[in-house]
Amino acid sequence: SCAASGNIFGINGMGWYRQAPGKERELVAVMTNGGRTNYAD
């Protein structure tokens, strides 16, 4: 779970990345404010 707080009027894309030691950060999954999603293969 992730909760965003503060000076927020809206959020466009929101989601998750991950990074293992010695590895590049990679996109896991994101969702737009319209509900479209993108997942890592």
PDB file of all heavy atoms in Angstrom:
ATOM      1  N   SER A   1       0.836  -1.182   0.000  1.00  0.00           N
ATOM      2  CA  SER A   1       0.000   0.000   0.000  1.00  0.00           C
ATOM      3  C   SER A   1       0.876   1.238   0.000  1.00  0.00           C
ATOM      4  O   SER A   1       1.969   1.237   0.559  1.00  0.00           O
ATOM      5  CB  SER A   1      -0.915   0.031   1.232  1.00  0.00           C
ATOM      6  OG  SER A   1      -1.765  -1.085   1.278  1.00  0.00           O
ATOM      7  N   CYS A   2       0.377   2.295  -0.601  1.00  0.00           N
ATOM      8  CA  CYS A   2       1.075   3.564  -0.613  1.00  0.00           C
ATOM      9  C   CYS A   2       0.059   4.676  -0.445  1.00  0.00           C
ATOM     10  O   CYS A   2      -0.935   4.716  -1.176  1.00  0.00           O
ATOM     11  CB  CYS A   2       1.861   3.760  -1.907  1.00  0.00           C
ATOM     12  SG  CYS A   2       2.621   5.390  -2.080  1.00  0.00           S
ATOM     13  N   ALA A   3       0.335   5.562   0.481  1.00  0.00           N
ATOM     14  CA  ALA A   3      -0.518   6.710   0.730  1.00  0.00           C
ATOM     15  C   ALA A   3       0.248   7.987   0.431  1.00  0.00           C
ATOM     16  O   ALA A   3       1.350   8.191   0.952  1.00  0.00           O
ATOM     17  CB  ALA A   3      -1.003   6.714   2.174  1.00  0.00           C
ATOM     18  N   ALA A   4      -0.319   8.820  -0.401  1.00  0.00           N
ATOM     19  CA  ALA A   4       0.247  10.124  -0.709  1.00  0.00           C
ATOM     20  C   ALA A   4      -0.475  11.194   0.094  1.00  0.00           C
ATOM     21  O   ALA A   4      -1.704  11.167   0.204  1.00  0.00           O
ATOM     22  CB  ALA A   4       0.142  10.426  -2.202  1.00  0.00           C
ATOM     23  N   SER A   5       0.279  12.113   0.643  1.00  0.00           N
ATOM     24  CA  SER A   5      -0.313  13.182   1.423  1.00  0.00           C
ATOM     25  C   SER A   5       0.454  14.468   1.190  1.00  0.00           C
ATOM     26  O   SER A   5       1.596  14.453   0.733  1.00  0.00           O
ATOM     27  CB  SER A   5      -0.334  12.838   2.913  1.00  0.00           C
ATOM     28  OG  SER A   5       0.982  12.655   3.415  1.00  0.00           O
ATOM     29  N   GLY A   6      -0.177  15.571   1.539  1.00  0.00           N
ATOM     30  CA  GLY A   6       0.446  16.867   1.381  1.00  0.00           C
ATOM     31  C   GLY A   6      -0.328  17.751   0.432  1.00  0.00           C
ATOM     32  O   GLY A   6      -1.552  17.678   0.344  1.00  0.00           O
ATOM     33  N   ASN A   7       0.402  18.578  -0.284  1.00  0.00           N
ATOM     34  CA  ASN A   7      -0.200  19.554  -1.182  1.00  0.00           C
ATOM     35  C   ASN A   7      -0.561  18.892  -2.502  1.00  0.00           C
ATOM     36  O   ASN A   7       0.146  19.027  -3.501  1.00  0.00           O
ATOM     37  CB  ASN A   7       0.760  20.720  -1.400  1.00  0.00           C
ATOM     38  CG  ASN A   7       0.121  21.856  -2.158  1.00  0.00           C
ATOM     39  OD1 ASN A   7      -1.095  22.040  -2.104  1.00  0.00           O
ATOM     40  ND2 ASN A   7       0.927  22.624  -2.872  1.00  0.00           N
ATOM     41  N   ILE A   8      -1.670  18.159  -2.504  1.00  0.00           N
ATOM     42  CA  ILE A   8      -2.085  17.357  -3.646  1.00  0.00           C
ATOM     43  C   ILE A   8      -3.432  17.836  -4.145  1.00  0.00           C
ATOM     44  O   ILE A   8      -4.422  17.809  -3.415  1.00  0.00           O
ATOM     45  CB  ILE A   8      -2.161  15.869  -3.280  1.00  0.00           C
ATOM     46  CG1 ILE A   8      -0.799  15.348  -2.831  1.00  0.00           C
ATOM     47  CG2 ILE A   8      -2.682  15.068  -4.479  1.00  0.00           C
ATOM     48  CD1 ILE A   8      -0.839  13.950  -2.272  1.00  0.00           C
ATOM     49  N   PHE A   9      -3.457  18.259  -5.385  1.00  0.00           N
ATOM     50  CA  PHE A   9      -4.702  18.571  -6.064  1.00  0.00           C
ATOM     51  C   PHE A   9      -5.147  17.442  -6.971  1.00  0.00           C
ATOM     52  O   PHE A   9      -6.324  17.381  -7.343  1.00  0.00           O
ATOM     53  CB  PHE A   9      -4.565  19.872  -6.859  1.00  0.00           C
ATOM     54  CG  PHE A   9      -4.523  21.094  -6.001  1.00  0.00           C
ATOM     55  CD1 PHE A   9      -3.355  21.491  -5.374  1.00  0.00           C
ATOM     56  CD2 PHE A   9      -5.662  21.854  -5.804  1.00  0.00           C
ATOM     57  CE1 PHE A   9      -3.313  22.617  -4.578  1.00  0.00           C
ATOM     58  CE2 PHE A   9      -5.642  22.984  -5.010  1.00  0.00           C
ATOM     59  CZ  PHE A   9      -4.464  23.367  -4.393  1.00  0.00           C
ATOM     60  N   GLY A  10      -4.230  16.571  -7.323  1.00  0.00           N
ATOM     61  CA  GLY A  10      -4.535  15.422  -8.141  1.00  0.00           C
ATOM     62  C   GLY A  10      -3.268  14.641  -8.429  1.00  0.00           C
ATOM     63  O   GLY A  10      -2.159  15.139  -8.252  1.00  0.00           O
ATOM     64  N   ILE A  11      -3.441  13.405  -8.861  1.00  0.00           N
ATOM     65  CA  ILE A  11      -2.322  12.554  -9.221  1.00  0.00           C
ATOM     66  C   ILE A  11      -2.595  11.960 -10.589  1.00  0.00           C
ATOM     67  O   ILE A  11      -3.656  11.377 -10.821  1.00  0.00           O
ATOM     68  CB  ILE A  11      -2.103  11.437  -8.183  1.00  0.00           C
ATOM     69  CG1 ILE A  11      -1.781  12.035  -6.817  1.00  0.00           C
ATOM     70  CG2 ILE A  11      -0.983  10.500  -8.640  1.00  0.00           C
ATOM     71  CD1 ILE A  11      -1.629  11.008  -5.712  1.00  0.00           C
ATOM     72  N   ASN A  12      -1.641  12.124 -11.477  1.00  0.00           N
ATOM     73  CA  ASN A  12      -1.763  11.540 -12.807  1.00  0.00           C
ATOM     74  C   ASN A  12      -1.351  10.070 -12.737  1.00  0.00           C
ATOM     75  O   ASN A  12      -2.116   9.243 -12.265  1.00  0.00           O
ATOM     76  CB  ASN A  12      -0.935  12.335 -13.804  1.00  0.00           C
ATOM     77  CG  ASN A  12      -1.415  13.771 -13.904  1.00  0.00           C
ATOM     78  OD1 ASN A  12      -2.613  14.041 -13.896  1.00  0.00           O
ATOM     79  ND2 ASN A  12      -0.472  14.711 -13.986  1.00  0.00           N
ATOM     80  N   GLY A  13      -0.153   9.730 -13.151  1.00  0.00           N
ATOM     81  CA  GLY A  13       0.312   8.371 -12.992  1.00  0.00           C
ATOM     82  C   GLY A  13       0.712   8.080 -11.559  1.00  0.00           C
ATOM     83  O   GLY A  13       1.257   8.933 -10.861  1.00  0.00           O
ATOM     84  N   MET A  14       0.446   6.865 -11.101  1.00  0.00           N
ATOM     85  CA  MET A  14       0.831   6.429  -9.774  1.00  0.00           C
ATOM     86  C   MET A  14       1.090   4.937  -9.819  1.00  0.00           C
ATOM     87  O   MET A  14       0.363   4.209 -10.502  1.00  0.00           O
ATOM     88  CB  MET A  14      -0.254   6.749  -8.755  1.00  0.00           C
ATOM     89  CG  MET A  14       0.189   6.628  -7.313  1.00  0.00           C
ATOM     90  SD  MET A  14      -1.104   7.207  -6.163  1.00  0.00           S
ATOM     91  CE  MET A  14      -0.187   7.191  -4.620  1.00  0.00           C
ATOM     92  N   GLY A  15       2.137   4.491  -9.125  1.00  0.00           N
ATOM     93  CA  GLY A  15       2.412   3.068  -9.163  1.00  0.00           C
ATOM     94  C   GLY A  15       3.664   2.689  -8.413  1.00  0.00           C
ATOM     95  O   GLY A  15       4.023   3.320  -7.413  1.00  0.00           O
ATOM     96  N   TRP A  16       4.316   1.644  -8.919  1.00  0.00           N
ATOM     97  CA  TRP A  16       5.394   1.000  -8.186  1.00  0.00           C
ATOM     98  C   TRP A  16       6.594   0.720  -9.066  1.00  0.00           C
ATOM     99  O   TRP A  16       6.456   0.289 -10.222  1.00  0.00           O
ATOM    100  CB  TRP A  16       4.906  -0.334  -7.597  1.00  0.00           C
ATOM    101  CG  TRP A  16       3.777  -0.165  -6.640  1.00  0.00           C
ATOM    102  CD1 TRP A  16       2.448  -0.168  -6.925  1.00  0.00           C
ATOM    103  CD2 TRP A  16       3.888   0.052  -5.236  1.00  0.00           C
ATOM    104  NE1 TRP A  16       1.707   0.028  -5.781  1.00  0.00           N
ATOM    105  CE2 TRP A  16       2.575   0.163  -4.731  1.00  0.00           C
ATOM    106  CE3 TRP A  16       4.961   0.151  -4.347  1.00  0.00           C
ATOM    107  CZ2 TRP A  16       2.308   0.378  -3.378  1.00  0.00           C
ATOM    108  CZ3 TRP A  16       4.695   0.368  -3.011  1.00  0.00           C
ATOM    109  CH2 TRP A  16       3.386   0.474  -2.540  1.00  0.00           C
ATOM    110  N   TYR A  17       7.770   0.962  -8.515  1.00  0.00           N
ATOM    111  CA  TYR A  17       9.042   0.551  -9.076  1.00  0.00           C
ATOM    112  C   TYR A  17       9.743  -0.338  -8.061  1.00  0.00           C
ATOM    113  O   TYR A  17       9.368  -0.377  -6.885  1.00  0.00           O
ATOM    114  CB  TYR A  17       9.916   1.760  -9.412  1.00  0.00           C
ATOM    115  CG  TYR A  17       9.448   2.554 -10.615  1.00  0.00           C
ATOM    116  CD1 TYR A  17       8.304   3.330 -10.562  1.00  0.00           C
ATOM    117  CD2 TYR A  17      10.172   2.520 -11.805  1.00  0.00           C
ATOM    118  CE1 TYR A  17       7.885   4.053 -11.664  1.00  0.00           C
ATOM    119  CE2 TYR A  17       9.762   3.251 -12.902  1.00  0.00           C
ATOM    120  CZ  TYR A  17       8.619   4.015 -12.833  1.00  0.00           C
ATOM    121  OH  TYR A  17       8.212   4.736 -13.935  1.00  0.00           O
ATOM    122  N   ARG A  18      10.771  -1.050  -8.517  1.00  0.00           N
ATOM    123  CA  ARG A  18      11.548  -1.859  -7.600  1.00  0.00           C
ATOM    124  C   ARG A  18      13.014  -1.846  -8.004  1.00  0.00           C
ATOM    125  O   ARG A  18      13.352  -1.619  -9.167  1.00  0.00           O
ATOM    126  CB  ARG A  18      11.025  -3.300  -7.547  1.00  0.00           C
ATOM    127  CG  ARG A  18      11.236  -4.108  -8.824  1.00  0.00           C
ATOM    128  CD  ARG A  18      10.571  -5.474  -8.707  1.00  0.00           C
ATOM    129  NE  ARG A  18      10.776  -6.286  -9.892  1.00  0.00           N
ATOM    130  CZ  ARG A  18      10.198  -7.459 -10.108  1.00  0.00           C
ATOM    131  NH1 ARG A  18       9.363  -7.964  -9.207  1.00  0.00           N
ATOM    132  NH2 ARG A  18      10.446  -8.131 -11.226  1.00  0.00           N
ATOM    133  N   GLN A  19      13.871  -2.099  -7.015  1.00  0.00           N
ATOM    134  CA  GLN A  19      15.299  -2.140  -7.257  1.00  0.00           C
ATOM    135  C   GLN A  19      15.951  -3.130  -6.308  1.00  0.00           C
ATOM    136  O   GLN A  19      15.768  -3.047  -5.097  1.00  0.00           O
ATOM    137  CB  GLN A  19      15.931  -0.759  -7.074  1.00  0.00           C
ATOM    138  CG  GLN A  19      17.398  -0.706  -7.464  1.00  0.00           C
ATOM    139  CD  GLN A  19      17.938   0.708  -7.485  1.00  0.00           C
ATOM    140  OE1 GLN A  19      17.419   1.590  -6.816  1.00  0.00           O
ATOM    141  NE2 GLN A  19      18.978   0.926  -8.268  1.00  0.00           N
ATOM    142  N   ALA A  20      16.688  -4.065  -6.870  1.00  0.00           N
ATOM    143  CA  ALA A  20      17.484  -5.003  -6.103  1.00  0.00           C
ATOM    144  C   ALA A  20      18.918  -4.487  -6.027  1.00  0.00           C
ATOM    145  O   ALA A  20      19.362  -3.728  -6.890  1.00  0.00           O
ATOM    146  CB  ALA A  20      17.443  -6.388  -6.743  1.00  0.00           C
ATOM    147  N   PRO A  21      19.680  -4.883  -5.003  1.00  0.00           N
ATOM    148  CA  PRO A  21      21.069  -4.441  -4.893  1.00  0.00           C
ATOM    149  C   PRO A  21      21.868  -4.753  -6.148  1.00  0.00           C
ATOM    150  O   PRO A  21      21.832  -5.880  -6.654  1.00  0.00           O
ATOM    151  CB  PRO A  21      21.597  -5.210  -3.689  1.00  0.00           C
ATOM    152  CG  PRO A  21      20.385  -5.497  -2.862  1.00  0.00           C
ATOM    153  CD  PRO A  21      19.294  -5.732  -3.859  1.00  0.00           C
ATOM    154  N   GLY A  22      22.574  -3.752  -6.655  1.00  0.00           N
ATOM    155  CA  GLY A  22      23.372  -3.931  -7.846  1.00  0.00           C
ATOM    156  C   GLY A  22      22.601  -3.950  -9.139  1.00  0.00           C
ATOM    157  O   GLY A  22      23.192  -4.174 -10.201  1.00  0.00           O
ATOM    158  N   LYS A  23      21.302  -3.731  -9.079  1.00  0.00           N
ATOM    159  CA  LYS A  23      20.455  -3.756 -10.267  1.00  0.00           C
ATOM    160  C   LYS A  23      19.862  -2.381 -10.526  1.00  0.00           C
ATOM    161  O   LYS A  23      19.786  -1.532  -9.642  1.00  0.00           O
ATOM    162  CB  LYS A  23      19.328  -4.782 -10.104  1.00  0.00           C
ATOM    163  CG  LYS A  23      19.787  -6.199  -9.833  1.00  0.00           C
ATOM    164  CD  LYS A  23      20.477  -6.801 -11.039  1.00  0.00           C
ATOM    165  CE  LYS A  23      20.815  -8.263 -10.786  1.00  0.00           C
ATOM    166  NZ  LYS A  23      21.476  -8.872 -11.957  1.00  0.00           N
ATOM    167  N   GLU A  24      19.436  -2.177 -11.759  1.00  0.00           N
ATOM    168  CA  GLU A  24      18.758  -0.943 -12.118  1.00  0.00           C
ATOM    169  C   GLU A  24      17.333  -0.949 -11.579  1.00  0.00           C
ATOM    170  O   GLU A  24      16.691  -1.998 -11.470  1.00  0.00           O
ATOM    171  CB  GLU A  24      18.726  -0.778 -13.635  1.00  0.00           C
ATOM    172  CG  GLU A  24      20.078  -0.589 -14.285  1.00  0.00           C
ATOM    173  CD  GLU A  24      20.663   0.780 -14.018  1.00  0.00           C
ATOM    174  OE1 GLU A  24      19.893   1.719 -13.748  1.00  0.00           O
ATOM    175  OE2 GLU A  24      21.888   0.912 -14.070  1.00  0.00           O
ATOM    176  N   ARG A  25      16.860   0.233 -11.246  1.00  0.00           N
ATOM    177  CA  ARG A  25      15.468   0.369 -10.872  1.00  0.00           C
ATOM    178  C   ARG A  25      14.586   0.090 -12.083  1.00  0.00           C
ATOM    179  O   ARG A  25      14.880   0.538 -13.192  1.00  0.00           O
ATOM    180  CB  ARG A  25      15.196   1.773 -10.343  1.00  0.00           C
ATOM    181  CG  ARG A  25      13.776   1.986  -9.854  1.00  0.00           C
ATOM    182  CD  ARG A  25      13.581   3.386  -9.304  1.00  0.00           C
ATOM    183  NE  ARG A  25      13.745   4.398 -10.338  1.00  0.00           N
ATOM    184  CZ  ARG A  25      13.749   5.699 -10.113  1.00  0.00           C
ATOM    185  NH1 ARG A  25      13.608   6.159  -8.876  1.00  0.00           N
ATOM    186  NH2 ARG A  25      13.901   6.553 -11.111  1.00  0.00           N
ATOM    187  N   GLU A  26      13.525  -0.654 -11.877  1.00  0.00           N
ATOM    188  CA  GLU A  26      12.640  -0.994 -12.975  1.00  0.00           C
ATOM    189  C   GLU A  26      11.186  -0.728 -12.606  1.00  0.00           C
ATOM    190  O   GLU A  26      10.787  -0.831 -11.451  1.00  0.00           O
ATOM    191  CB  GLU A  26      12.801  -2.471 -13.375  1.00  0.00           C
ATOM    192  CG  GLU A  26      12.391  -3.463 -12.304  1.00  0.00           C
ATOM    193  CD  GLU A  26      12.400  -4.902 -12.791  1.00  0.00           C
ATOM    194  OE1 GLU A  26      12.361  -5.122 -14.017  1.00  0.00           O
ATOM    195  OE2 GLU A  26      12.443  -5.812 -11.940  1.00  0.00           O
ATOM    196  N   LEU A  27      10.420  -0.401 -13.618  1.00  0.00           N
ATOM    197  CA  LEU A  27       8.991  -0.224 -13.432  1.00  0.00           C
ATOM    198  C   LEU A  27       8.341  -1.574 -13.173  1.00  0.00           C
ATOM    199  O   LEU A  27       8.626  -2.554 -13.865  1.00  0.00           O
ATOM    200  CB  LEU A  27       8.377   0.432 -14.662  1.00  0.00           C
ATOM    201  CG  LEU A  27       6.883   0.765 -14.612  1.00  0.00           C
ATOM    202  CD1 LEU A  27       6.592   2.014 -15.435  1.00  0.00           C
ATOM    203  CD2 LEU A  27       6.047  -0.396 -15.150  1.00  0.00           C
ATOM    204  N   VAL A  28       7.473  -1.614 -12.183  1.00  0.00           N
ATOM    205  CA  VAL A  28       6.697  -2.807 -11.889  1.00  0.00           C
ATOM    206  C   VAL A  28       5.285  -2.663 -12.450  1.00  0.00           C
ATOM    207  O   VAL A  28       4.824  -3.498 -13.223  1.00  0.00           O
ATOM    208  CB  VAL A  28       6.643  -3.097 -10.382  1.00  0.00           C
ATOM    209  CG1 VAL A  28       5.793  -4.341 -10.106  1.00  0.00           C
ATOM    210  CG2 VAL A  28       8.049  -3.276  -9.827  1.00  0.00           C
ATOM    211  N   ALA A  29       4.609  -1.617 -12.032  1.00  0.00           N
ATOM    212  CA  ALA A  29       3.249  -1.372 -12.488  1.00  0.00           C
ATOM    213  C   ALA A  29       2.886   0.077 -12.227  1.00  0.00           C
ATOM    214  O   ALA A  29       3.241   0.629 -11.185  1.00  0.00           O
ATOM    215  CB  ALA A  29       2.249  -2.291 -11.783  1.00  0.00           C
ATOM    216  N   VAL A  30       2.191   0.695 -13.165  1.00  0.00           N
ATOM    217  CA  VAL A  30       1.677   2.042 -12.990  1.00  0.00           C
ATOM    218  C   VAL A  30       0.249   2.095 -13.491  1.00  0.00           C
ATOM    219  O   VAL A  30      -0.157   1.300 -14.341  1.00  0.00           O
ATOM    220  CB  VAL A  30       2.524   3.109 -13.714  1.00  0.00           C
ATOM    221  CG1 VAL A  30       3.908   3.203 -13.101  1.00  0.00           C
ATOM    222  CG2 VAL A  30       2.608   2.814 -15.204  1.00  0.00           C
ATOM    223  N   MET A  31      -0.493   3.056 -12.970  1.00  0.00           N
ATOM    224  CA  MET A  31      -1.855   3.296 -13.422  1.00  0.00           C
ATOM    225  C   MET A  31      -2.063   4.795 -13.566  1.00  0.00           C
ATOM    226  O   MET A  31      -1.683   5.571 -12.693  1.00  0.00           O
ATOM    227  CB  MET A  31      -2.881   2.719 -12.447  1.00  0.00           C
ATOM    228  CG  MET A  31      -4.332   2.945 -12.885  1.00  0.00           C
ATOM    229  SD  MET A  31      -5.559   2.286 -11.725  1.00  0.00           S
ATOM    230  CE  MET A  31      -5.404   0.525 -12.041  1.00  0.00           C
ATOM    231  N   THR A  32      -2.672   5.198 -14.665  1.00  0.00           N
ATOM    232  CA  THR A  32      -3.006   6.592 -14.872  1.00  0.00           C
ATOM    233  C   THR A  32      -4.257   6.943 -14.093  1.00  0.00           C
ATOM    234  O   THR A  32      -4.960   6.074 -13.565  1.00  0.00           O
ATOM    235  CB  THR A  32      -3.227   6.893 -16.350  1.00  0.00           C
ATOM    236  OG1 THR A  32      -4.439   6.257 -16.790  1.00  0.00           O
ATOM    237  CG2 THR A  32      -2.065   6.409 -17.199  1.00  0.00           C
ATOM    238  N   ASN A  33      -4.552   8.242 -14.043  1.00  0.00           N
ATOM    239  CA  ASN A  33      -5.776   8.654 -13.366  1.00  0.00           C
ATOM    240  C   ASN A  33      -7.018   8.234 -14.131  1.00  0.00           C
ATOM    241  O   ASN A  33      -8.121   8.305 -13.585  1.00  0.00           O
ATOM    242  CB  ASN A  33      -5.776  10.162 -13.110  1.00  0.00           C
ATOM    243  CG  ASN A  33      -5.620  10.988 -14.380  1.00  0.00           C
ATOM    244  OD1 ASN A  33      -5.511  10.452 -15.482  1.00  0.00           O
ATOM    245  ND2 ASN A  33      -5.600  12.303 -14.231  1.00  0.00           N
ATOM    246  N   GLY A  34      -6.849   7.810 -15.368  1.00  0.00           N
ATOM    247  CA  GLY A  34      -7.952   7.279 -16.133  1.00  0.00           C
ATOM    248  C   GLY A  34      -8.102   5.776 -16.043  1.00  0.00           C
ATOM    249  O   GLY A  34      -9.011   5.211 -16.664  1.00  0.00           O
ATOM    250  N   GLY A  35      -7.216   5.111 -15.304  1.00  0.00           N
ATOM    251  CA  GLY A  35      -7.332   3.683 -15.085  1.00  0.00           C
ATOM    252  C   GLY A  35      -6.521   2.805 -16.016  1.00  0.00           C
ATOM    253  O   GLY A  35      -6.578   1.578 -15.901  1.00  0.00           O
ATOM    254  N   ARG A  36      -5.780   3.394 -16.938  1.00  0.00           N
ATOM    255  CA  ARG A  36      -4.924   2.586 -17.802  1.00  0.00           C
ATOM    256  C   ARG A  36      -3.719   2.097 -17.016  1.00  0.00           C
ATOM    257  O   ARG A  36      -3.180   2.804 -16.179  1.00  0.00           O
ATOM    258  CB  ARG A  36      -4.478   3.378 -19.018  1.00  0.00           C
ATOM    259  CG  ARG A  36      -5.619   3.780 -19.945  1.00  0.00           C
ATOM    260  CD  ARG A  36      -5.098   4.541 -21.152  1.00  0.00           C
ATOM    261  NE  ARG A  36      -4.235   3.721 -21.978  1.00  0.00           N
ATOM    262  CZ  ARG A  36      -4.650   2.969 -22.990  1.00  0.00           C
ATOM    263  NH1 ARG A  36      -5.938   2.946 -23.313  1.00  0.00           N
ATOM    264  NH2 ARG A  36      -3.783   2.253 -23.679  1.00  0.00           N
ATOM    265  N   THR A  37      -3.288   0.871 -17.298  1.00  0.00           N
ATOM    266  CA  THR A  37      -2.204   0.248 -16.558  1.00  0.00           C
ATOM    267  C   THR A  37      -1.060  -0.147 -17.473  1.00  0.00           C
ATOM    268  O   THR A  37      -1.235  -0.362 -18.676  1.00  0.00           O
ATOM    269  CB  THR A  37      -2.679  -0.995 -15.802  1.00  0.00           C
ATOM    270  OG1 THR A  37      -3.224  -1.940 -16.728  1.00  0.00           O
ATOM    271  CG2 THR A  37      -3.745  -0.625 -14.785  1.00  0.00           C
ATOM    272  N   ASN A  38       0.111  -0.251 -16.880  1.00  0.00           N
ATOM    273  CA  ASN A  38       1.295  -0.732 -17.556  1.00  0.00           C
ATOM    274  C   ASN A  38       2.066  -1.595 -16.569  1.00  0.00           C
ATOM    275  O   ASN A  38       2.388  -1.137 -15.475  1.00  0.00           O
ATOM    276  CB  ASN A  38       2.158   0.424 -18.046  1.00  0.00           C
ATOM    277  CG  ASN A  38       3.332  -0.037 -18.882  1.00  0.00           C
ATOM    278  OD1 ASN A  38       3.292  -1.096 -19.491  1.00  0.00           O
ATOM    279  ND2 ASN A  38       4.384   0.777 -18.926  1.00  0.00           N
ATOM    280  N   TYR A  39       2.352  -2.842 -16.957  1.00  0.00           N
ATOM    281  CA  TYR A  39       3.059  -3.787 -16.109  1.00  0.00           C
ATOM    282  C   TYR A  39       4.358  -4.217 -16.749  1.00  0.00           C
ATOM    283  O   TYR A  39       4.464  -4.328 -17.975  1.00  0.00           O
ATOM    284  CB  TYR A  39       2.227  -5.047 -15.877  1.00  0.00           C
ATOM    285  CG  TYR A  39       0.991  -4.880 -15.046  1.00  0.00           C
ATOM    286  CD1 TYR A  39      -0.244  -4.623 -15.636  1.00  0.00           C
ATOM    287  CD2 TYR A  39       1.031  -5.014 -13.666  1.00  0.00           C
ATOM    288  CE1 TYR A  39      -1.386  -4.487 -14.878  1.00  0.00           C
ATOM    289  CE2 TYR A  39      -0.103  -4.883 -12.896  1.00  0.00           C
ATOM    290  CZ  TYR A  39      -1.316  -4.621 -13.510  1.00  0.00           C
ATOM    291  OH  TYR A  39      -2.450  -4.498 -12.744  1.00  0.00           O
ATOM    292  N   ALA A  40       5.343  -4.499 -15.908  1.00  0.00           N
ATOM    293  CA  ALA A  40       6.528  -5.177 -16.393  1.00  0.00           C
ATOM    294  C   ALA A  40       6.149  -6.566 -16.883  1.00  0.00           C
ATOM    295  O   ALA A  40       5.291  -7.238 -16.299  1.00  0.00           O
ATOM    296  CB  ALA A  40       7.574  -5.283 -15.290  1.00  0.00           C
ATOM    297  N   ASP A  41       6.787  -7.003 -17.957  1.00  0.00           N
ATOM    298  CA  ASP A  41       6.476  -8.326 -18.489  1.00  0.00           C
ATOM    299  C   ASP A  41       6.665  -9.421 -17.444  1.00  0.00           C
ATOM    300  O   ASP A  41       5.915 -10.405 -17.425  1.00  0.00           O
ATOM    301  CB  ASP A  41       7.346  -8.625 -19.705  1.00  0.00           C
ATOM    302  CG  ASP A  41       6.954  -7.816 -20.924  1.00  0.00           C
ATOM    303  OD1 ASP A  41       5.822  -7.296 -20.964  1.00  0.00           O
ATOM    304  OD2 ASP A  41       7.782  -7.706 -21.849  1.00  0.00           O
TER     305      ASP A  41
END
